[in-house]
Amino acid sequence: MAVPKKKHSKARTRRRRKINGKIGAPTLMTSPESGELVLRHRVDLTSGFYRGKRVVDTDEL
């Protein structure tokens, strides 16, 4: 089993974690029905459409 020869400093460890642990901005797309920005793979709540089909009745909301 491999054993490190020297201890890594806190700065080096934290730098590595910072680079690899970044959270990116969510991917948005324009809804063809309403024209608003919507998260991908989510129902557009203004129009009630998902993948070209009406899924949610917007009159109830």
PDB file of N, CA and C in Angstrom:
ATOM      1  N   MET A   1       0.837  -1.183   0.000  1.00  0.00           N
ATOM      2  CA  MET A   1       0.000   0.000   0.000  1.00  0.00           C
ATOM      3  C   MET A   1       0.885   1.251   0.000  1.00  0.00           C
ATOM      4  N   ALA A   2       0.527   2.229  -0.810  1.00  0.00           N
ATOM      5  CA  ALA A   2       1.331   3.442  -0.916  1.00  0.00           C
ATOM      6  C   ALA A   2       1.111   4.338   0.294  1.00  0.00           C
ATOM      7  N   VAL A   3       2.224   4.879   0.805  1.00  0.00           N
ATOM      8  CA  VAL A   3       2.171   5.765   1.957  1.00  0.00           C
ATOM      9  C   VAL A   3       2.887   7.049   1.566  1.00  0.00           C
ATOM     10  N   PRO A   4       2.271   8.225   1.804  1.00  0.00           N
ATOM     11  CA  PRO A   4       2.942   9.474   1.448  1.00  0.00           C
ATOM     12  C   PRO A   4       4.184   9.713   2.300  1.00  0.00           C
ATOM     13  N   LYS A   5       5.244  10.271   1.671  1.00  0.00           N
ATOM     14  CA  LYS A   5       6.480  10.530   2.407  1.00  0.00           C
ATOM     15  C   LYS A   5       6.353  11.736   3.320  1.00  0.00           C
ATOM     16  N   LYS A   6       5.608  12.773   2.847  1.00  0.00           N
ATOM     17  CA  LYS A   6       5.463  13.981   3.649  1.00  0.00           C
ATOM     18  C   LYS A   6       4.000  14.395   3.697  1.00  0.00           C
ATOM     19  N   LYS A   7       3.671  15.124   4.740  1.00  0.00           N
ATOM     20  CA  LYS A   7       2.306  15.615   4.917  1.00  0.00           C
ATOM     21  C   LYS A   7       2.055  16.782   3.962  1.00  0.00           C
ATOM     22  N   HIS A   8       0.895  16.779   3.324  1.00  0.00           N
ATOM     23  CA  HIS A   8       0.522  17.907   2.469  1.00  0.00           C
ATOM     24  C   HIS A   8       0.016  19.037   3.350  1.00  0.00           C
ATOM     25  N   SER A   9       0.364  20.254   2.989  1.00  0.00           N
ATOM     26  CA  SER A   9      -0.038  21.407   3.784  1.00  0.00           C
ATOM     27  C   SER A   9      -1.548  21.647   3.643  1.00  0.00           C
ATOM     28  N   LYS A  10      -2.087  22.425   4.565  1.00  0.00           N
ATOM     29  CA  LYS A  10      -3.518  22.751   4.521  1.00  0.00           C
ATOM     30  C   LYS A  10      -3.845  23.546   3.268  1.00  0.00           C
ATOM     31  N   ALA A  11      -2.942  24.448   2.887  1.00  0.00           N
ATOM     32  CA  ALA A  11      -3.176  25.267   1.699  1.00  0.00           C
ATOM     33  C   ALA A  11      -3.239  24.409   0.438  1.00  0.00           C
ATOM     34  N   ARG A  12      -2.342  23.453   0.339  1.00  0.00           N
ATOM     35  CA  ARG A  12      -2.326  22.582  -0.834  1.00  0.00           C
ATOM     36  C   ARG A  12      -3.586  21.725  -0.900  1.00  0.00           C
ATOM     37  N   THR A  13      -3.997  21.196   0.247  1.00  0.00           N
ATOM     38  CA  THR A  13      -5.204  20.372   0.300  1.00  0.00           C
ATOM     39  C   THR A  13      -6.433  21.190  -0.053  1.00  0.00           C
ATOM     40  N   ARG A  14      -6.534  22.370   0.532  1.00  0.00           N
ATOM     41  CA  ARG A  14      -7.710  23.216   0.285  1.00  0.00           C
ATOM     42  C   ARG A  14      -7.746  23.711  -1.153  1.00  0.00           C
ATOM     43  N   ARG A  15      -6.580  23.985  -1.736  1.00  0.00           N
ATOM     44  CA  ARG A  15      -6.528  24.419  -3.134  1.00  0.00           C
ATOM     45  C   ARG A  15      -7.060  23.317  -4.049  1.00  0.00           C
ATOM     46  N   ARG A  16      -6.644  22.086  -3.785  1.00  0.00           N
ATOM     47  CA  ARG A  16      -7.115  20.959  -4.592  1.00  0.00           C
ATOM     48  C   ARG A  16      -8.630  20.787  -4.452  1.00  0.00           C
ATOM     49  N   ARG A  17      -9.127  20.876  -3.242  1.00  0.00           N
ATOM     50  CA  ARG A  17     -10.566  20.715  -3.017  1.00  0.00           C
ATOM     51  C   ARG A  17     -11.358  21.838  -3.660  1.00  0.00           C
ATOM     52  N   LYS A  18     -10.808  23.046  -3.659  1.00  0.00           N
ATOM     53  CA  LYS A  18     -11.493  24.184  -4.258  1.00  0.00           C
ATOM     54  C   LYS A  18     -11.622  24.003  -5.765  1.00  0.00           C
ATOM     55  N   ILE A  19     -10.545  23.562  -6.408  1.00  0.00           N
ATOM     56  CA  ILE A  19     -10.564  23.390  -7.858  1.00  0.00           C
ATOM     57  C   ILE A  19     -11.532  22.286  -8.270  1.00  0.00           C
ATOM     58  N   ASN A  20     -11.507  21.159  -7.557  1.00  0.00           N
ATOM     59  CA  ASN A  20     -12.324  20.016  -7.949  1.00  0.00           C
ATOM     60  C   ASN A  20     -13.746  20.085  -7.428  1.00  0.00           C
ATOM     61  N   GLY A  21     -14.022  20.952  -6.472  1.00  0.00           N
ATOM     62  CA  GLY A  21     -15.346  20.972  -5.871  1.00  0.00           C
ATOM     63  C   GLY A  21     -16.217  22.130  -6.298  1.00  0.00           C
ATOM     64  N   LYS A  22     -15.855  22.798  -7.388  1.00  0.00           N
ATOM     65  CA  LYS A  22     -16.639  23.950  -7.832  1.00  0.00           C
ATOM     66  C   LYS A  22     -18.008  23.511  -8.330  1.00  0.00           C
ATOM     67  N   ILE A  23     -18.997  24.317  -8.020  1.00  0.00           N
ATOM     68  CA  ILE A  23     -20.356  24.073  -8.492  1.00  0.00           C
ATOM     69  C   ILE A  23     -20.612  25.048  -9.630  1.00  0.00           C
ATOM     70  N   GLY A  24     -20.975  24.518 -10.779  1.00  0.00           N
ATOM     71  CA  GLY A  24     -21.224  25.365 -11.935  1.00  0.00           C
ATOM     72  C   GLY A  24     -22.630  25.942 -11.912  1.00  0.00           C
ATOM     73  N   ALA A  25     -22.850  26.916 -12.754  1.00  0.00           N
ATOM     74  CA  ALA A  25     -24.179  27.513 -12.874  1.00  0.00           C
ATOM     75  C   ALA A  25     -25.123  26.509 -13.539  1.00  0.00           C
ATOM     76  N   PRO A  26     -26.388  26.503 -13.148  1.00  0.00           N
ATOM     77  CA  PRO A  26     -27.322  25.557 -13.759  1.00  0.00           C
ATOM     78  C   PRO A  26     -27.534  25.860 -15.236  1.00  0.00           C
ATOM     79  N   THR A  27     -27.758  24.815 -16.014  1.00  0.00           N
ATOM     80  CA  THR A  27     -27.971  24.971 -17.445  1.00  0.00           C
ATOM     81  C   THR A  27     -29.416  25.385 -17.693  1.00  0.00           C
ATOM     82  N   LEU A  28     -29.580  26.517 -18.357  1.00  0.00           N
ATOM     83  CA  LEU A  28     -30.916  27.029 -18.667  1.00  0.00           C
ATOM     84  C   LEU A  28     -31.168  26.913 -20.157  1.00  0.00           C
ATOM     85  N   MET A  29     -32.420  26.725 -20.508  1.00  0.00           N
ATOM     86  CA  MET A  29     -32.803  26.700 -21.915  1.00  0.00           C
ATOM     87  C   MET A  29     -34.045  27.559 -22.094  1.00  0.00           C
ATOM     88  N   THR A  30     -34.289  27.995 -23.298  1.00  0.00           N
ATOM     89  CA  THR A  30     -35.458  28.800 -23.602  1.00  0.00           C
ATOM     90  C   THR A  30     -36.617  27.886 -23.935  1.00  0.00           C
ATOM     91  N   SER A  31     -37.736  28.084 -23.257  1.00  0.00           N
ATOM     92  CA  SER A  31     -38.924  27.275 -23.498  1.00  0.00           C
ATOM     93  C   SER A  31     -39.549  27.690 -24.826  1.00  0.00           C
ATOM     94  N   PRO A  32     -39.855  26.737 -25.713  1.00  0.00           N
ATOM     95  CA  PRO A  32     -40.453  27.116 -26.988  1.00  0.00           C
ATOM     96  C   PRO A  32     -41.872  27.664 -26.846  1.00  0.00           C
ATOM     97  N   GLU A  33     -42.586  27.267 -25.805  1.00  0.00           N
ATOM     98  CA  GLU A  33     -43.965  27.718 -25.640  1.00  0.00           C
ATOM     99  C   GLU A  33     -44.054  29.127 -25.064  1.00  0.00           C
ATOM    100  N   SER A  34     -43.308  29.381 -23.984  1.00  0.00           N
ATOM    101  CA  SER A  34     -43.423  30.686 -23.319  1.00  0.00           C
ATOM    102  C   SER A  34     -42.269  31.626 -23.642  1.00  0.00           C
ATOM    103  N   GLY A  35     -41.139  31.093 -24.089  1.00  0.00           N
ATOM    104  CA  GLY A  35     -39.995  31.925 -24.422  1.00  0.00           C
ATOM    105  C   GLY A  35     -39.163  32.335 -23.217  1.00  0.00           C
ATOM    106  N   GLU A  36     -39.458  31.785 -22.040  1.00  0.00           N
ATOM    107  CA  GLU A  36     -38.715  32.122 -20.830  1.00  0.00           C
ATOM    108  C   GLU A  36     -37.612  31.105 -20.581  1.00  0.00           C
ATOM    109  N   LEU A  37     -36.646  31.488 -19.744  1.00  0.00           N
ATOM    110  CA  LEU A  37     -35.574  30.576 -19.376  1.00  0.00           C
ATOM    111  C   LEU A  37     -36.088  29.589 -18.342  1.00  0.00           C
ATOM    112  N   VAL A  38     -35.816  28.305 -18.575  1.00  0.00           N
ATOM    113  CA  VAL A  38     -36.305  27.239 -17.707  1.00  0.00           C
ATOM    114  C   VAL A  38     -35.140  26.282 -17.460  1.00  0.00           C
ATOM    115  N   LEU A  39     -35.079  25.703 -16.246  1.00  0.00           N
ATOM    116  CA  LEU A  39     -34.102  24.656 -15.979  1.00  0.00           C
ATOM    117  C   LEU A  39     -34.374  23.465 -16.877  1.00  0.00           C
ATOM    118  N   ARG A  40     -33.316  22.793 -17.331  1.00  0.00           N
ATOM    119  CA  ARG A  40     -33.486  21.632 -18.204  1.00  0.00           C
ATOM    120  C   ARG A  40     -34.132  20.490 -17.446  1.00  0.00           C
ATOM    121  N   HIS A  41     -34.907  19.684 -18.136  1.00  0.00           N
ATOM    122  CA  HIS A  41     -35.587  18.514 -17.592  1.00  0.00           C
ATOM    123  C   HIS A  41     -36.558  18.882 -16.476  1.00  0.00           C
ATOM    124  N   ARG A  42     -37.156  20.066 -16.567  1.00  0.00           N
ATOM    125  CA  ARG A  42     -38.157  20.511 -15.604  1.00  0.00           C
ATOM    126  C   ARG A  42     -39.378  21.015 -16.370  1.00  0.00           C
ATOM    127  N   VAL A  43     -40.509  20.989 -15.734  1.00  0.00           N
ATOM    128  CA  VAL A  43     -41.743  21.503 -16.336  1.00  0.00           C
ATOM    129  C   VAL A  43     -41.693  23.018 -16.326  1.00  0.00           C
ATOM    130  N   ASP A  44     -42.092  23.638 -17.441  1.00  0.00           N
ATOM    131  CA  ASP A  44     -42.216  25.084 -17.507  1.00  0.00           C
ATOM    132  C   ASP A  44     -43.522  25.455 -16.816  1.00  0.00           C
ATOM    133  N   LEU A  45     -43.431  26.080 -15.655  1.00  0.00           N
ATOM    134  CA  LEU A  45     -44.626  26.343 -14.857  1.00  0.00           C
ATOM    135  C   LEU A  45     -45.490  27.466 -15.423  1.00  0.00           C
ATOM    136  N   THR A  46     -44.945  28.322 -16.285  1.00  0.00           N
ATOM    137  CA  THR A  46     -45.767  29.386 -16.854  1.00  0.00           C
ATOM    138  C   THR A  46     -46.698  28.853 -17.931  1.00  0.00           C
ATOM    139  N   SER A  47     -46.212  27.877 -18.714  1.00  0.00           N
ATOM    140  CA  SER A  47     -47.057  27.325 -19.779  1.00  0.00           C
ATOM    141  C   SER A  47     -47.577  25.930 -19.447  1.00  0.00           C
ATOM    142  N   GLY A  48     -46.885  25.214 -18.558  1.00  0.00           N
ATOM    143  CA  GLY A  48     -47.316  23.871 -18.183  1.00  0.00           C
ATOM    144  C   GLY A  48     -46.848  22.787 -19.136  1.00  0.00           C
ATOM    145  N   PHE A  49     -45.909  23.093 -20.023  1.00  0.00           N
ATOM    146  CA  PHE A  49     -45.446  22.128 -21.017  1.00  0.00           C
ATOM    147  C   PHE A  49     -44.143  21.487 -20.581  1.00  0.00           C
ATOM    148  N   TYR A  50     -43.943  20.226 -20.984  1.00  0.00           N
ATOM    149  CA  TYR A  50     -42.683  19.516 -20.828  1.00  0.00           C
ATOM    150  C   TYR A  50     -42.500  18.640 -22.040  1.00  0.00           C
ATOM    151  N   ARG A  51     -41.409  18.856 -22.767  1.00  0.00           N
ATOM    152  CA  ARG A  51     -41.080  18.112 -23.993  1.00  0.00           C
ATOM    153  C   ARG A  51     -42.211  18.164 -25.016  1.00  0.00           C
ATOM    154  N   GLY A  52     -42.834  19.340 -25.160  1.00  0.00           N
ATOM    155  CA  GLY A  52     -43.846  19.548 -26.178  1.00  0.00           C
ATOM    156  C   GLY A  52     -45.241  19.079 -25.809  1.00  0.00           C
ATOM    157  N   LYS A  53     -45.438  18.573 -24.618  1.00  0.00           N
ATOM    158  CA  LYS A  53     -46.760  18.098 -24.184  1.00  0.00           C
ATOM    159  C   LYS A  53     -47.197  18.862 -22.951  1.00  0.00           C
ATOM    160  N   ARG A  54     -48.495  19.144 -22.866  1.00  0.00           N
ATOM    161  CA  ARG A  54     -49.036  19.804 -21.684  1.00  0.00           C
ATOM    162  C   ARG A  54     -49.111  18.792 -20.549  1.00  0.00           C
ATOM    163  N   VAL A  55     -48.423  19.099 -19.456  1.00  0.00           N
ATOM    164  CA  VAL A  55     -48.336  18.204 -18.322  1.00  0.00           C
ATOM    165  C   VAL A  55     -49.091  18.764 -17.128  1.00  0.00           C
ATOM    166  N   VAL A  56     -49.021  20.080 -16.945  1.00  0.00           N
ATOM    167  CA  VAL A  56     -49.634  20.726 -15.797  1.00  0.00           C
ATOM    168  C   VAL A  56     -50.659  21.728 -16.314  1.00  0.00           C
ATOM    169  N   ASP A  57     -51.827  21.724 -15.691  1.00  0.00           N
ATOM    170  CA  ASP A  57     -52.852  22.696 -16.046  1.00  0.00           C
ATOM    171  C   ASP A  57     -52.523  23.990 -15.314  1.00  0.00           C
ATOM    172  N   THR A  58     -52.196  25.040 -16.071  1.00  0.00           N
ATOM    173  CA  THR A  58     -51.751  26.297 -15.459  1.00  0.00           C
ATOM    174  C   THR A  58     -52.913  27.070 -14.853  1.00  0.00           C
ATOM    175  N   ASP A  59     -54.148  26.729 -15.159  1.00  0.00           N
ATOM    176  CA  ASP A  59     -55.283  27.421 -14.566  1.00  0.00           C
ATOM    177  C   ASP A  59     -55.406  27.111 -13.084  1.00  0.00           C
ATOM    178  N   GLU A  60     -54.969  25.920 -12.673  1.00  0.00           N
ATOM    179  CA  GLU A  60     -55.049  25.532 -11.268  1.00  0.00           C
ATOM    180  C   GLU A  60     -54.006  26.261 -10.420  1.00  0.00           C
ATOM    181  N   LEU A  61     -52.875  26.632 -11.027  1.00  0.00           N
ATOM    182  CA  LEU A  61     -51.804  27.306 -10.284  1.00  0.00           C
ATOM    183  C   LEU A  61     -52.209  28.727 -10.102  1.00  0.00           C
TER     184      LEU A  61
END
